[in-house]
Amino acid sequence: METGYTDGVTRWTTLIQRVALAVNIGVSLVAVTSCGDKPPTSPSVTSGPPPSPVAQLPSVLGAWVGTYHVSCPGSPNCGTVTGGPPTLPQPFSLVVNQTGDALSGQINLSGWINLVADVTGTIAQDGTISLQGGSSWPADDFCTPAGGWHIASWNTRYDSRTDMITGGFSFVTQKHLSSCYYDQNLTVNGSSASFVRGRAPNAPFEGHWQGTYIVRTCTPVGWPFCYPQQAGEFPFDLTLTQHGTTVSGTLGFFSGTPPDGIPVTGTVGADGVTLTLQVSWSRPVSGATEVLRLTAWTTARDAVGRMQGSFSFIDEVHWNAGINQGTVYSSTYDVALRSVILVPSP
């Protein structure tokens, strides 16, 4: 009987151990499965302040017109024989192209002195502008020496709130005194300079064009030399009105024409940027008739308002009296435009 009892206890003990083992295994599997179902935890990221916005460069692209006050620290009379510097503000204009902080374009001083030059420079994020540039010209066949001018300093700033450029600048230039006398290095300060954006014309060639032209070649017939102009650089002044593709206006003084200029007519090409002009003008002179004719004109306007190209003209003297009666003396010129811009209107 003891043997049967002992075997029964042993069997019950073994069964209980097996059940306990099964329970432990099930609990472990549940724990493992629960851990496997839990999504991984991403490492925490500490967020900092948002990045600062990138400052935008101000834009001064376009045409500007303004005035400046003249003073000459080394010459109280500013290169004049009598009187002194002009007391009223003097006009000037600026045409600017901008790529990033890089500037290029052209400056045109008018009024008491006429000077034109290509310029380059930069603009900073606070609107500070720096410019440099200048121009030179050769000696002529009479008594004008070779000369030039250049910007010595430029300190202006663009204010986006007023859309104006203000400040000052200085330049050094050759200045005619009288007769054949010149000041080769006159320093001029331009103070209280102020620019506003120019008003663009509705038509691409309408307005006042200023700059210079260079005589590349001249061929005289009858004359021992070209007359009345020789080689050199000369002022260019053209005022036009435009109606559709037709232009008319006045070509300023050149080659002995009247100070108020001579009438011109012309057409604008289908591309809207090329221009063709015609001129035929005459006047009586002693014992002859002078005739001035444009024989060719090939010019175009670029994106920043400059006129570029060349033209040719002939100045003829038709003798109708004296020993040269019946003959024609002439000077044929081939010239290139240089630094010619459309002066913006305020």
Protein backbone atom coordinates (compact mmCIF):
# COMPACT_ATOMS: atom_id res chain seq x y z
CA MET A 1 0.00 0.00 0.00
CA GLU A 2 2.87 2.38 0.77
CA THR A 3 4.27 1.75 -2.67
CA GLY A 4 1.03 2.77 -4.39
CA TYR A 5 0.73 5.89 -2.28
CA THR A 6 4.30 6.90 -3.05
CA ASP A 7 3.85 6.39 -6.78
CA GLY A 8 0.71 8.55 -6.74
CA VAL A 9 2.41 11.39 -4.94
CA THR A 10 5.31 11.21 -7.34
CA ARG A 11 3.00 11.38 -10.35
CA TRP A 12 1.08 14.39 -8.92
CA THR A 13 4.35 16.17 -8.14
CA THR A 14 5.63 15.65 -11.67
CA LEU A 15 2.35 16.91 -13.15
CA ILE A 16 2.39 20.07 -11.00
CA GLN A 17 6.01 20.78 -12.04
CA ARG A 18 5.13 20.41 -15.70
CA VAL A 19 2.15 22.79 -15.37
CA ALA A 20 4.32 25.34 -13.57
CA LEU A 21 6.98 25.08 -16.29
CA ALA A 22 4.34 25.60 -19.00
CA VAL A 23 2.98 28.67 -17.19
CA ASN A 24 6.48 30.16 -16.87
CA ILE A 25 7.19 29.57 -20.56
CA GLY A 26 3.87 31.25 -21.54
CA VAL A 27 4.55 34.27 -19.35
CA SER A 28 7.99 34.63 -20.87
CA LEU A 29 6.60 34.44 -24.42
CA VAL A 30 4.00 37.09 -23.61
CA ALA A 31 6.70 39.34 -22.18
CA VAL A 32 8.90 38.88 -25.24
CA THR A 33 6.00 39.49 -27.64
CA SER A 34 5.00 42.62 -25.75
CA CYS A 35 8.53 43.95 -25.92
CA GLY A 36 8.70 43.15 -29.64
CA ASP A 37 5.44 45.04 -30.37
CA LYS A 38 6.61 48.23 -28.71
CA PRO A 39 7.86 50.73 -31.38
CA PRO A 40 11.45 51.89 -31.09
CA THR A 41 11.96 55.16 -29.33
CA SER A 42 13.65 57.90 -31.43
CA PRO A 43 16.39 59.87 -29.78
CA SER A 44 15.19 63.24 -28.57
CA VAL A 45 16.21 66.32 -30.67
CA THR A 46 16.69 69.66 -29.04
CA SER A 47 15.23 72.37 -31.34
CA GLY A 48 17.20 75.64 -31.61
CA PRO A 49 16.11 79.10 -32.79
CA PRO A 50 14.82 79.33 -36.42
CA PRO A 51 17.46 80.31 -39.02
CA SER A 52 17.79 84.02 -39.71
CA PRO A 53 16.30 85.15 -43.04
CA VAL A 54 18.82 85.91 -45.78
CA ALA A 55 19.07 89.68 -46.26
CA GLN A 56 18.12 90.80 -49.75
CA LEU A 57 20.32 93.21 -51.66
CA PRO A 58 18.55 96.42 -52.61
CA SER A 59 17.97 96.96 -56.33
CA VAL A 60 19.17 100.14 -58.07
CA LEU A 61 18.70 98.75 -61.57
CA GLY A 62 17.53 101.40 -64.02
CA ALA A 63 17.91 105.08 -64.82
CA TRP A 64 18.46 107.78 -62.21
CA VAL A 65 18.44 111.57 -62.50
CA GLY A 66 19.53 114.16 -59.97
CA THR A 67 21.62 117.16 -59.02
CA TYR A 68 24.81 117.98 -57.13
CA HIS A 69 26.52 121.10 -55.76
CA VAL A 70 29.94 122.10 -57.11
CA SER A 71 33.04 123.18 -55.20
CA CYS A 72 36.74 123.03 -56.10
CA PRO A 73 39.08 122.79 -53.09
CA GLY A 74 42.21 123.71 -55.09
CA SER A 75 40.64 126.36 -57.32
CA PRO A 76 38.18 128.87 -55.85
CA ASN A 77 36.97 129.76 -59.36
CA CYS A 78 36.62 126.10 -60.42
CA GLY A 79 38.71 126.56 -63.55
CA THR A 80 36.99 129.71 -64.80
CA VAL A 81 38.83 132.92 -65.67
CA THR A 82 36.17 135.15 -64.14
CA GLY A 83 33.47 134.43 -61.62
CA GLY A 84 33.33 131.29 -59.58
CA PRO A 85 31.70 127.89 -59.45
CA PRO A 86 28.01 127.63 -60.27
CA THR A 87 25.82 128.42 -57.30
CA LEU A 88 22.81 126.43 -58.48
CA PRO A 89 22.61 122.61 -58.32
CA GLN A 90 23.99 120.98 -61.47
CA PRO A 91 22.21 118.15 -63.31
CA PHE A 92 23.59 114.66 -63.77
CA SER A 93 22.22 111.21 -64.52
CA LEU A 94 23.16 107.60 -63.97
CA VAL A 95 22.15 104.44 -65.83
CA VAL A 96 22.77 101.24 -63.81
CA ASN A 97 22.77 97.54 -64.59
CA GLN A 98 22.91 95.21 -61.56
CA THR A 99 23.89 91.56 -61.14
CA GLY A 100 23.91 90.57 -57.48
CA ASP A 101 26.01 93.18 -55.72
CA ALA A 102 27.92 94.13 -58.90
CA LEU A 103 27.00 97.35 -60.68
CA SER A 104 27.87 98.67 -64.13
CA GLY A 105 26.58 101.49 -66.26
CA GLN A 106 27.22 105.05 -67.27
CA ILE A 107 27.31 108.50 -65.67
CA ASN A 108 26.55 111.74 -67.47
CA LEU A 109 27.44 115.13 -65.97
CA SER A 110 25.89 118.15 -67.66
CA GLY A 111 25.30 121.79 -66.87
CA TRP A 112 28.49 123.70 -66.13
CA ILE A 113 30.65 120.84 -67.48
CA ASN A 114 29.78 117.97 -69.83
CA LEU A 115 31.44 114.67 -68.95
CA VAL A 116 30.45 111.08 -69.71
CA ALA A 117 32.04 107.81 -68.52
CA ASP A 118 31.37 104.11 -68.06
CA VAL A 119 31.31 103.08 -64.40
CA THR A 120 31.53 99.90 -62.34
CA GLY A 121 31.00 99.31 -58.64
CA THR A 122 29.17 97.46 -55.89
CA ILE A 123 26.19 97.84 -53.59
CA ALA A 124 26.09 96.55 -50.00
CA GLN A 125 23.09 95.17 -48.11
CA ASP A 126 22.72 98.47 -46.25
CA GLY A 127 22.47 100.34 -49.59
CA THR A 128 26.01 101.76 -49.59
CA ILE A 129 27.18 102.26 -53.18
CA SER A 130 30.74 102.54 -54.47
CA LEU A 131 31.52 103.50 -58.06
CA GLN A 132 34.64 104.06 -60.12
CA GLY A 133 35.21 104.99 -63.72
CA GLY A 134 36.46 107.65 -66.10
CA SER A 135 37.14 108.60 -69.68
CA SER A 136 39.96 110.05 -71.77
CA TRP A 137 40.26 111.85 -75.09
CA PRO A 138 43.10 112.47 -77.54
CA ALA A 139 44.64 115.78 -78.51
CA ASP A 140 43.14 117.49 -81.52
CA ASP A 141 44.97 119.07 -84.44
CA PHE A 142 44.67 122.60 -83.05
CA CYS A 143 45.56 123.30 -79.42
CA THR A 144 43.47 121.00 -77.24
CA PRO A 145 45.81 118.64 -75.36
CA ALA A 146 45.01 115.03 -74.56
CA GLY A 147 43.05 114.80 -71.36
CA GLY A 148 40.43 112.96 -69.39
CA TRP A 149 38.51 112.68 -66.17
CA HIS A 150 37.89 110.07 -63.50
CA ILE A 151 35.88 109.56 -60.34
CA ALA A 152 38.19 110.02 -57.36
CA SER A 153 35.70 109.01 -54.66
CA TRP A 154 32.06 107.97 -54.46
CA ASN A 155 30.10 107.90 -51.22
CA THR A 156 26.37 107.45 -51.73
CA ARG A 157 23.66 105.30 -50.21
CA TYR A 158 20.36 103.97 -51.50
CA ASP A 159 17.40 104.31 -49.11
CA SER A 160 14.61 101.84 -49.92
CA ARG A 161 12.12 103.82 -47.82
CA THR A 162 12.41 106.93 -50.00
CA ASP A 163 13.66 105.12 -53.15
CA MET A 164 16.45 107.72 -53.45
CA ILE A 165 20.25 107.75 -53.69
CA THR A 166 21.99 110.48 -51.70
CA GLY A 167 25.55 111.36 -50.70
CA GLY A 168 28.56 112.90 -52.40
CA PHE A 169 31.41 112.24 -54.77
CA SER A 170 34.53 113.86 -56.23
CA PHE A 171 36.26 113.75 -59.58
CA VAL A 172 39.40 115.03 -61.31
CA THR A 173 39.10 116.46 -64.80
CA GLN A 174 40.74 118.47 -67.54
CA LYS A 175 39.05 121.88 -67.69
CA HIS A 176 39.28 124.48 -70.43
CA LEU A 177 40.34 127.88 -69.05
CA SER A 178 40.54 130.13 -72.11
CA SER A 179 42.01 130.10 -75.60
CA CYS A 180 44.58 127.27 -75.58
CA TYR A 181 44.98 127.13 -71.79
CA TYR A 182 43.76 124.13 -69.81
CA ASP A 183 43.80 122.93 -66.23
CA GLN A 184 44.75 119.27 -66.58
CA ASN A 185 43.89 118.16 -63.04
CA LEU A 186 41.03 120.15 -61.58
CA THR A 187 39.58 118.48 -58.47
CA VAL A 188 35.83 118.91 -58.11
CA ASN A 189 33.69 117.97 -55.13
CA GLY A 190 30.07 117.08 -55.77
CA SER A 191 28.23 117.52 -52.50
CA SER A 192 24.55 117.11 -51.58
CA ALA A 193 24.10 114.71 -54.47
CA SER A 194 20.59 113.35 -54.78
CA PHE A 195 19.12 110.89 -57.32
CA VAL A 196 15.54 109.82 -57.99
CA ARG A 197 14.44 107.17 -60.43
CA GLY A 198 14.07 108.49 -63.93
CA ARG A 199 10.83 108.26 -65.82
CA ALA A 200 11.20 105.87 -68.73
CA PRO A 201 9.78 107.09 -72.04
CA ASN A 202 6.90 105.25 -73.66
CA ALA A 203 8.89 104.91 -76.90
CA PRO A 204 12.44 103.45 -76.90
CA PHE A 205 14.15 106.34 -78.75
CA GLU A 206 12.14 109.29 -77.53
CA GLY A 207 14.03 111.74 -75.37
CA HIS A 208 17.37 113.45 -74.99
CA TRP A 209 20.52 111.51 -75.90
CA GLN A 210 23.93 112.78 -74.78
CA GLY A 211 27.49 111.54 -75.02
CA THR A 212 30.39 111.78 -77.43
CA TYR A 213 31.49 110.50 -80.81
CA ILE A 214 34.99 109.72 -82.07
CA VAL A 215 36.20 110.50 -85.58
CA ARG A 216 37.76 107.26 -86.79
CA THR A 217 38.66 108.39 -90.31
CA CYS A 218 38.32 111.54 -92.35
CA THR A 219 39.00 111.95 -96.08
CA PRO A 220 39.38 115.50 -97.47
CA VAL A 221 38.82 116.46 -101.10
CA GLY A 222 40.07 119.89 -102.17
CA TRP A 223 41.07 120.81 -98.64
CA PRO A 224 44.62 120.12 -97.48
CA PHE A 225 43.12 118.61 -94.31
CA CYS A 226 39.67 117.80 -92.95
CA TYR A 227 37.57 120.86 -92.25
CA PRO A 228 35.97 121.97 -89.97
CA GLN A 229 36.70 118.95 -87.74
CA GLN A 230 39.81 116.86 -87.46
CA ALA A 231 40.49 113.67 -85.52
CA GLY A 232 39.34 113.57 -81.92
CA GLU A 233 36.34 113.13 -79.66
CA PHE A 234 33.41 115.51 -79.89
CA PRO A 235 30.13 116.11 -78.02
CA PHE A 236 27.06 114.26 -79.23
CA ASP A 237 23.58 115.65 -78.55
CA LEU A 238 20.37 114.28 -80.06
CA THR A 239 16.75 115.01 -79.09
CA LEU A 240 13.99 112.87 -80.61
CA THR A 241 10.25 112.43 -80.50
CA GLN A 242 8.81 109.11 -81.62
CA HIS A 243 5.42 108.23 -83.12
CA GLY A 244 5.18 104.55 -83.90
CA THR A 245 8.26 103.73 -85.97
CA THR A 246 8.86 107.33 -87.08
CA VAL A 247 11.22 109.72 -85.28
CA SER A 248 12.06 113.38 -85.73
CA GLY A 249 14.08 115.88 -83.79
CA THR A 250 17.31 117.83 -83.60
CA LEU A 251 20.93 116.75 -83.91
CA GLY A 252 22.99 119.08 -81.74
CA PHE A 253 25.92 121.20 -82.75
CA PHE A 254 28.63 119.42 -84.70
CA SER A 255 30.79 120.05 -87.74
CA GLY A 256 30.08 123.76 -87.87
CA THR A 257 26.28 123.53 -87.60
CA PRO A 258 24.28 126.18 -85.70
CA PRO A 259 24.38 125.98 -81.88
CA ASP A 260 20.71 124.98 -81.78
CA GLY A 261 21.37 122.01 -84.07
CA ILE A 262 19.84 120.78 -87.30
CA PRO A 263 16.60 118.86 -88.00
CA VAL A 264 16.66 115.08 -88.41
CA THR A 265 14.12 112.42 -89.35
CA GLY A 266 14.31 108.65 -89.22
CA THR A 267 12.75 105.28 -88.55
CA VAL A 268 12.91 102.59 -85.86
CA GLY A 269 13.52 99.02 -87.02
CA ALA A 270 11.01 96.20 -86.62
CA ASP A 271 13.06 94.89 -83.69
CA GLY A 272 12.37 98.12 -81.78
CA VAL A 273 16.04 98.69 -80.87
CA THR A 274 17.69 99.80 -84.12
CA LEU A 275 17.54 103.34 -85.47
CA THR A 276 18.18 104.91 -88.87
CA LEU A 277 18.44 108.70 -89.30
CA GLN A 278 18.57 111.03 -92.29
CA VAL A 279 19.97 114.56 -92.44
CA SER A 280 20.39 116.98 -95.33
CA TRP A 281 21.08 120.57 -94.33
CA SER A 282 22.57 123.54 -96.13
CA ARG A 283 23.47 127.16 -95.50
CA PRO A 284 25.12 129.96 -97.51
CA VAL A 285 28.74 130.81 -96.72
CA SER A 286 31.13 133.29 -98.31
CA GLY A 287 31.22 132.54 -102.06
CA ALA A 288 29.69 129.08 -101.62
CA THR A 289 26.97 126.88 -100.16
CA GLU A 290 27.76 124.41 -97.43
CA VAL A 291 25.84 121.12 -97.48
CA LEU A 292 25.88 118.56 -94.67
CA ARG A 293 24.51 115.06 -95.29
CA LEU A 294 24.34 111.85 -93.32
CA THR A 295 25.49 109.05 -95.63
CA ALA A 296 25.05 106.15 -93.19
CA TRP A 297 23.59 105.60 -89.70
CA THR A 298 23.68 102.26 -87.89
CA THR A 299 22.86 102.48 -84.19
CA ALA A 300 20.95 100.44 -81.62
CA ARG A 301 19.79 100.83 -78.04
CA ASP A 302 20.94 98.34 -75.41
CA ALA A 303 19.14 97.07 -72.30
CA VAL A 304 20.36 99.83 -69.97
CA GLY A 305 19.53 102.71 -72.29
CA ARG A 306 22.79 103.31 -74.17
CA MET A 307 22.95 104.05 -77.88
CA GLN A 308 25.77 102.24 -79.62
CA GLY A 309 26.91 102.14 -83.23
CA SER A 310 28.39 104.36 -85.90
CA PHE A 311 27.46 106.81 -88.62
CA SER A 312 29.08 108.63 -91.53
CA PHE A 313 28.55 112.11 -92.87
CA ILE A 314 29.96 114.40 -95.55
CA ASP A 315 30.48 118.14 -95.25
CA GLU A 316 30.58 119.73 -98.73
CA VAL A 317 31.36 123.28 -99.85
CA HIS A 318 29.91 124.05 -103.30
CA TRP A 319 31.86 127.05 -104.62
CA ASN A 320 29.75 129.46 -106.67
CA ALA A 321 32.20 132.37 -106.90
CA GLY A 322 35.93 133.08 -106.99
CA ILE A 323 38.74 131.01 -108.40
CA ASN A 324 37.15 127.77 -107.12
CA GLN A 325 33.76 128.44 -108.74
CA GLY A 326 32.08 125.26 -109.95
CA THR A 327 34.15 122.94 -107.74
CA VAL A 328 33.19 121.06 -104.59
CA TYR A 329 35.45 120.68 -101.57
CA SER A 330 34.44 118.04 -99.05
CA SER A 331 35.37 116.20 -95.86
CA THR A 332 33.96 112.69 -95.41
CA TYR A 333 33.81 111.44 -91.83
CA ASP A 334 33.42 107.94 -90.40
CA VAL A 335 32.62 108.16 -86.68
CA ALA A 336 31.68 105.89 -83.76
CA LEU A 337 29.36 106.71 -80.89
CA ARG A 338 30.91 106.59 -77.46
CA SER A 339 29.18 106.80 -74.09
CA VAL A 340 25.81 107.94 -75.45
CA ILE A 341 22.89 107.53 -73.04
CA LEU A 342 19.24 108.48 -72.89
CA VAL A 343 19.13 111.15 -70.20
CA PRO A 344 16.23 110.13 -67.91
CA SER A 345 13.46 112.62 -67.18
CA PRO A 346 12.74 113.41 -63.54
